[in-house]
């Protein structure tokens, strides 16, 4: 994984989501673009408060 890709993942982990949404369009776009670049699935665990708790990078087939 490249340095800039790690930085994107770190920035995703520092973001917040509005409490009335699952994800915002900007985050969804970033996740899709990075997932495509890495050829891996990426997941976010978001707390009810909207804080991103964890960023998970899986394989091309699944997140374990």
C-alpha atoms as a PDB file:
ATOM      1  CA  UNK A   1       0.000   0.000   0.000  1.00  0.00           C
ATOM      2  CA  UNK A   2       1.336   3.419  -0.945  1.00  0.00           C
ATOM      3  CA  UNK A   3       1.906   6.233   1.535  1.00  0.00           C
ATOM      4  CA  UNK A   4      -0.803   8.441   0.038  1.00  0.00           C
ATOM      5  CA  UNK A   5      -3.309   5.569   0.233  1.00  0.00           C
ATOM      6  CA  UNK A   6      -2.524   5.117   3.930  1.00  0.00           C
ATOM      7  CA  UNK A   7      -3.069   8.829   4.469  1.00  0.00           C
ATOM      8  CA  UNK A   8      -6.481   8.605   2.795  1.00  0.00           C
ATOM      9  CA  UNK A   9      -7.407   5.749   5.148  1.00  0.00           C
ATOM     10  CA  UNK A  10      -6.219   7.773   8.148  1.00  0.00           C
ATOM     11  CA  UNK A  11      -8.288  10.770   7.035  1.00  0.00           C
ATOM     12  CA  UNK A  12     -11.344   8.537   6.693  1.00  0.00           C
ATOM     13  CA  UNK A  13     -10.787   7.382  10.267  1.00  0.00           C
ATOM     14  CA  UNK A  14     -10.733  10.978  11.493  1.00  0.00           C
ATOM     15  CA  UNK A  15     -14.022  11.978   9.841  1.00  0.00           C
ATOM     16  CA  UNK A  16     -17.492  12.121  11.337  1.00  0.00           C
ATOM     17  CA  UNK A  17     -20.852  11.217   9.846  1.00  0.00           C
ATOM     18  CA  UNK A  18     -24.048  13.114  10.614  1.00  0.00           C
ATOM     19  CA  UNK A  19     -26.117  11.203  13.149  1.00  0.00           C
ATOM     20  CA  UNK A  20     -29.083  10.901  10.786  1.00  0.00           C
ATOM     21  CA  UNK A  21     -26.995   9.341   7.970  1.00  0.00           C
ATOM     22  CA  UNK A  22     -25.184   6.085   7.432  1.00  0.00           C
ATOM     23  CA  UNK A  23     -22.482   7.689   5.289  1.00  0.00           C
ATOM     24  CA  UNK A  24     -22.099  10.931   3.374  1.00  0.00           C
ATOM     25  CA  UNK A  25     -21.547  11.056  -0.411  1.00  0.00           C
ATOM     26  CA  UNK A  26     -17.955  12.314  -0.138  1.00  0.00           C
ATOM     27  CA  UNK A  27     -16.932   9.417   2.118  1.00  0.00           C
ATOM     28  CA  UNK A  28     -18.701   6.898  -0.111  1.00  0.00           C
ATOM     29  CA  UNK A  29     -16.893   8.216  -3.181  1.00  0.00           C
ATOM     30  CA  UNK A  30     -13.521   8.117  -1.400  1.00  0.00           C
ATOM     31  CA  UNK A  31     -14.153   4.553  -0.200  1.00  0.00           C
ATOM     32  CA  UNK A  32     -15.101   3.390  -3.692  1.00  0.00           C
ATOM     33  CA  UNK A  33     -12.114   5.040  -5.360  1.00  0.00           C
ATOM     34  CA  UNK A  34      -9.620   3.667  -2.850  1.00  0.00           C
ATOM     35  CA  UNK A  35     -11.192   0.209  -2.892  1.00  0.00           C
ATOM     36  CA  UNK A  36     -10.839   0.170  -6.677  1.00  0.00           C
ATOM     37  CA  UNK A  37      -7.194   1.337  -6.515  1.00  0.00           C
ATOM     38  CA  UNK A  38      -6.256  -1.283  -3.926  1.00  0.00           C
ATOM     39  CA  UNK A  39      -8.432  -4.050  -5.375  1.00  0.00           C
ATOM     40  CA  UNK A  40      -9.564  -4.679  -1.784  1.00  0.00           C
ATOM     41  CA  UNK A  41     -12.778  -4.233   0.137  1.00  0.00           C
ATOM     42  CA  UNK A  42     -12.796  -1.444   2.713  1.00  0.00           C
ATOM     43  CA  UNK A  43     -15.206  -1.083   5.612  1.00  0.00           C
ATOM     44  CA  UNK A  44     -15.938   1.572   8.205  1.00  0.00           C
ATOM     45  CA  UNK A  45     -17.331   0.969  11.679  1.00  0.00           C
ATOM     46  CA  UNK A  46     -19.238   4.089  12.657  1.00  0.00           C
ATOM     47  CA  UNK A  47     -20.431   4.755  16.221  1.00  0.00           C
ATOM     48  CA  UNK A  48     -23.965   6.019  16.785  1.00  0.00           C
ATOM     49  CA  UNK A  49     -22.496   9.415  17.562  1.00  0.00           C
ATOM     50  CA  UNK A  50     -21.135   9.565  13.991  1.00  0.00           C
ATOM     51  CA  UNK A  51     -17.472   9.022  14.854  1.00  0.00           C
ATOM     52  CA  UNK A  52     -15.594   6.535  12.679  1.00  0.00           C
ATOM     53  CA  UNK A  53     -14.295   3.956  15.158  1.00  0.00           C
ATOM     54  CA  UNK A  54     -12.396   1.640  12.794  1.00  0.00           C
ATOM     55  CA  UNK A  55     -11.299   1.426   9.186  1.00  0.00           C
ATOM     56  CA  UNK A  56     -10.980  -2.153   7.938  1.00  0.00           C
ATOM     57  CA  UNK A  57      -9.137  -3.274   4.803  1.00  0.00           C
ATOM     58  CA  UNK A  58      -9.913  -6.785   3.626  1.00  0.00           C
ATOM     59  CA  UNK A  59      -9.002  -8.880   0.629  1.00  0.00           C
ATOM     60  CA  UNK A  60     -10.423  -8.568  -2.866  1.00  0.00           C
ATOM     61  CA  UNK A  61     -13.186 -11.014  -1.910  1.00  0.00           C
ATOM     62  CA  UNK A  62     -14.143 -10.198   1.672  1.00  0.00           C
ATOM     63  CA  UNK A  63     -13.604  -8.281   4.867  1.00  0.00           C
ATOM     64  CA  UNK A  64     -12.679 -10.636   7.678  1.00  0.00           C
END
